[in-house]
């Protein structure tokens, strides 16, 4: 996915949901803070969104713009309407989002993308291979700071053993790099 495609997704999802604000929290949220992120971080053809003021419209987005939709077939990427509650996020994440609002999102539409450290912490909670690979690339490319990531891990609403697993992985990976 590219930044242009993210902006297109914002326009389309805002139109379908009849909202001018979206929360963007999947891997492609990286394009908010890093529009020219490395290709390995932009590999997904899916952008996860929830309308900020009309969360009940996630199903409308998924139906009109989701996987296997006409939109997906036409543009080569899709918009997954999903509740932000599907992600586990550090306390205060909503105050750190990166707004994507410019001439390309039109009509005052704004996509609020997760900040990189919050995104990385959320990925590490999921703990899938692809999520750890994503965070590893963020660390290699110096797009996130180890100390900030460790701090954000402490702000997650997860069990202590999960936090410890994450801290161990972060420290071991940082040492390896």
Protein backbone atom coordinates (compact mmCIF):
# COMPACT_ATOMS: atom_id res chain seq x y z
CA UNK A 1 0.00 0.00 0.00
CA UNK A 2 1.14 3.54 -0.65
CA UNK A 3 0.30 6.83 1.04
CA UNK A 4 -1.86 7.71 -2.00
CA UNK A 5 -3.81 4.50 -1.50
CA UNK A 6 -4.22 5.24 2.20
CA UNK A 7 -5.62 8.68 1.32
CA UNK A 8 -7.98 7.02 -1.18
CA UNK A 9 -9.09 4.60 1.54
CA UNK A 10 -9.78 7.54 3.88
CA UNK A 11 -11.90 9.30 1.23
CA UNK A 12 -13.87 6.16 0.40
CA UNK A 13 -14.42 5.04 4.01
CA UNK A 14 -15.52 8.51 5.09
CA UNK A 15 -18.01 8.63 2.22
CA UNK A 16 -19.43 5.17 2.95
CA UNK A 17 -19.61 5.71 6.72
CA UNK A 18 -20.94 9.27 6.44
CA UNK A 19 -18.26 10.36 8.92
CA UNK A 20 -15.39 12.77 8.35
CA UNK A 21 -13.04 11.09 10.82
CA UNK A 22 -11.57 7.59 10.93
CA UNK A 23 -9.26 5.77 13.29
CA UNK A 24 -6.65 3.76 11.39
CA UNK A 25 -4.98 1.08 13.45
CA UNK A 26 -3.70 -1.79 11.31
CA UNK A 27 -0.18 -2.06 9.94
CA UNK A 28 -0.87 0.53 7.26
CA UNK A 29 -1.29 3.15 9.97
CA UNK A 30 2.50 3.42 9.65
CA UNK A 31 1.88 5.56 6.55
CA UNK A 32 0.53 8.37 8.73
CA UNK A 33 3.84 9.01 10.45
CA UNK A 34 6.09 7.54 7.74
CA UNK A 35 4.56 8.17 4.28
CA UNK A 36 7.63 6.66 2.61
CA UNK A 37 7.91 3.62 4.88
CA UNK A 38 9.97 0.72 3.50
CA UNK A 39 8.12 -1.64 1.17
CA UNK A 40 8.26 -4.49 3.71
CA UNK A 41 6.10 -2.42 6.07
CA UNK A 42 3.63 -1.56 3.32
CA UNK A 43 3.11 -5.12 2.08
CA UNK A 44 -0.46 -5.46 3.34
CA UNK A 45 -3.27 -4.63 0.92
CA UNK A 46 -5.66 -4.03 3.81
CA UNK A 47 -6.25 -0.94 5.91
CA UNK A 48 -8.14 -1.38 9.21
CA UNK A 49 -10.46 1.50 10.05
CA UNK A 50 -13.27 2.50 12.36
CA UNK A 51 -15.29 5.66 11.87
CA UNK A 52 -14.56 7.84 14.87
CA UNK A 53 -18.04 9.28 15.32
CA UNK A 54 -20.10 6.50 13.75
CA UNK A 55 -18.48 3.24 14.93
CA UNK A 56 -21.63 1.33 14.02
CA UNK A 57 -20.78 1.98 10.34
CA UNK A 58 -17.88 -0.53 10.30
CA UNK A 59 -20.12 -3.10 8.62
CA UNK A 60 -21.08 -0.63 5.88
CA UNK A 61 -17.39 -0.02 5.19
CA UNK A 62 -16.57 -3.71 5.16
CA UNK A 63 -19.48 -4.46 2.82
CA UNK A 64 -18.72 -1.71 0.32
CA UNK A 65 -14.91 -1.55 0.49
CA UNK A 66 -13.83 -4.82 2.10
CA UNK A 67 -12.08 -7.91 0.88
CA UNK A 68 -13.42 -9.26 -2.44
CA UNK A 69 -15.57 -6.14 -2.96
CA UNK A 70 -15.74 -4.29 -6.26
CA UNK A 71 -13.52 -1.63 -4.62
CA UNK A 72 -10.90 -4.29 -3.82
CA UNK A 73 -11.00 -5.71 -7.33
CA UNK A 74 -10.77 -2.26 -8.91
CA UNK A 75 -8.03 -0.76 -6.74
CA UNK A 76 -6.00 -3.76 -5.57
CA UNK A 77 -6.42 -2.97 -1.87
CA UNK A 78 -9.33 -2.98 0.52
CA UNK A 79 -10.67 -1.24 3.59
CA UNK A 80 -11.53 -3.48 6.53
CA UNK A 81 -14.19 -1.91 8.70
CA UNK A 82 -13.50 -3.25 12.17
CA UNK A 83 -13.93 -2.07 15.75
CA UNK A 84 -10.83 -0.52 17.27
CA UNK A 85 -11.57 -2.74 20.26
CA UNK A 86 -10.13 -5.59 18.18
CA UNK A 87 -6.70 -4.08 18.87
CA UNK A 88 -5.00 -3.94 22.26
CA UNK A 89 -3.54 -0.45 22.58
CA UNK A 90 -1.43 1.39 25.16
CA UNK A 91 -3.14 3.85 27.47
CA UNK A 92 -3.28 7.32 25.89
CA UNK A 93 -2.92 6.08 22.30
CA UNK A 94 -5.74 8.32 21.09
CA UNK A 95 -3.82 11.44 22.18
CA UNK A 96 -0.82 10.40 20.08
CA UNK A 97 -2.46 9.63 16.73
CA UNK A 98 -1.04 11.13 13.55
CA UNK A 99 -3.70 12.93 11.49
CA UNK A 100 -3.74 12.39 7.74
CA UNK A 101 -5.68 15.31 6.36
CA UNK A 102 -4.69 17.04 3.15
CA UNK A 103 -5.94 17.92 -0.32
CA UNK A 104 -6.02 14.21 -1.18
CA UNK A 105 -8.39 13.22 1.63
CA UNK A 106 -10.84 15.99 0.54
CA UNK A 107 -13.79 17.64 2.21
CA UNK A 108 -12.14 17.84 5.62
CA UNK A 109 -11.84 14.07 5.96
CA UNK A 110 -9.20 12.93 8.43
CA UNK A 111 -7.67 9.56 9.16
CA UNK A 112 -6.08 9.35 12.62
CA UNK A 113 -3.26 6.81 12.33
CA UNK A 114 -1.72 5.07 15.31
CA UNK A 115 1.65 6.48 16.30
CA UNK A 116 4.51 4.07 15.47
CA UNK A 117 5.33 2.98 19.04
CA UNK A 118 1.65 2.37 19.84
CA UNK A 119 1.31 0.37 16.62
CA UNK A 120 4.42 -1.68 17.47
CA UNK A 121 3.18 -2.40 21.00
CA UNK A 122 -0.17 -3.53 19.62
CA UNK A 123 1.58 -5.80 17.10
CA UNK A 124 3.64 -7.39 19.86
CA UNK A 125 0.52 -8.18 21.88
CA UNK A 126 -0.81 -10.13 18.87
CA UNK A 127 2.56 -11.94 18.76
CA UNK A 128 2.19 -13.46 15.29
CA UNK A 129 5.32 -14.04 13.20
CA UNK A 130 4.29 -11.31 10.77
CA UNK A 131 3.75 -8.87 13.65
CA UNK A 132 7.16 -9.56 15.18
CA UNK A 133 8.72 -9.18 11.71
CA UNK A 134 6.94 -5.84 11.33
CA UNK A 135 8.31 -4.55 14.64
CA UNK A 136 11.78 -5.93 13.84
CA UNK A 137 11.82 -3.85 10.64
CA UNK A 138 10.69 -0.76 12.57
CA UNK A 139 13.65 -1.30 14.90
CA UNK A 140 16.15 -2.00 12.10
CA UNK A 141 15.05 1.11 10.21
CA UNK A 142 15.21 3.15 13.45
CA UNK A 143 11.61 4.21 13.00
CA UNK A 144 10.93 3.45 16.67
CA UNK A 145 13.00 3.80 19.83
CA UNK A 146 13.51 0.80 22.12
CA UNK A 147 13.04 2.78 25.34
CA UNK A 148 9.80 4.36 24.16
CA UNK A 149 8.52 0.96 23.01
CA UNK A 150 9.35 -0.54 26.42
CA UNK A 151 7.48 2.32 28.11
CA UNK A 152 4.42 1.84 25.86
CA UNK A 153 4.46 -1.87 26.64
CA UNK A 154 4.01 -0.92 30.29
CA UNK A 155 0.89 1.04 29.33
CA UNK A 156 -0.88 -1.94 27.76
CA UNK A 157 -3.95 -3.42 29.46
CA UNK A 158 -2.56 -6.96 29.41
CA UNK A 159 -1.42 -9.47 32.01
CA UNK A 160 2.01 -9.09 33.57
CA UNK A 161 3.29 -12.32 31.98
CA UNK A 162 2.33 -10.97 28.54
CA UNK A 163 4.14 -7.72 29.25
CA UNK A 164 7.19 -9.65 30.41
CA UNK A 165 7.17 -11.76 27.25
CA UNK A 166 7.06 -8.57 25.21
CA UNK A 167 9.84 -6.88 27.20
CA UNK A 168 12.03 -9.97 26.82
CA UNK A 169 11.45 -10.04 23.06
CA UNK A 170 12.12 -6.31 22.66
CA UNK A 171 15.37 -6.47 24.65
CA UNK A 172 16.60 -9.63 22.90
CA UNK A 173 15.76 -8.25 19.46
CA UNK A 174 17.37 -4.88 20.18
CA UNK A 175 20.54 -6.63 21.40
CA UNK A 176 20.57 -8.84 18.30
CA UNK A 177 20.32 -5.79 16.02
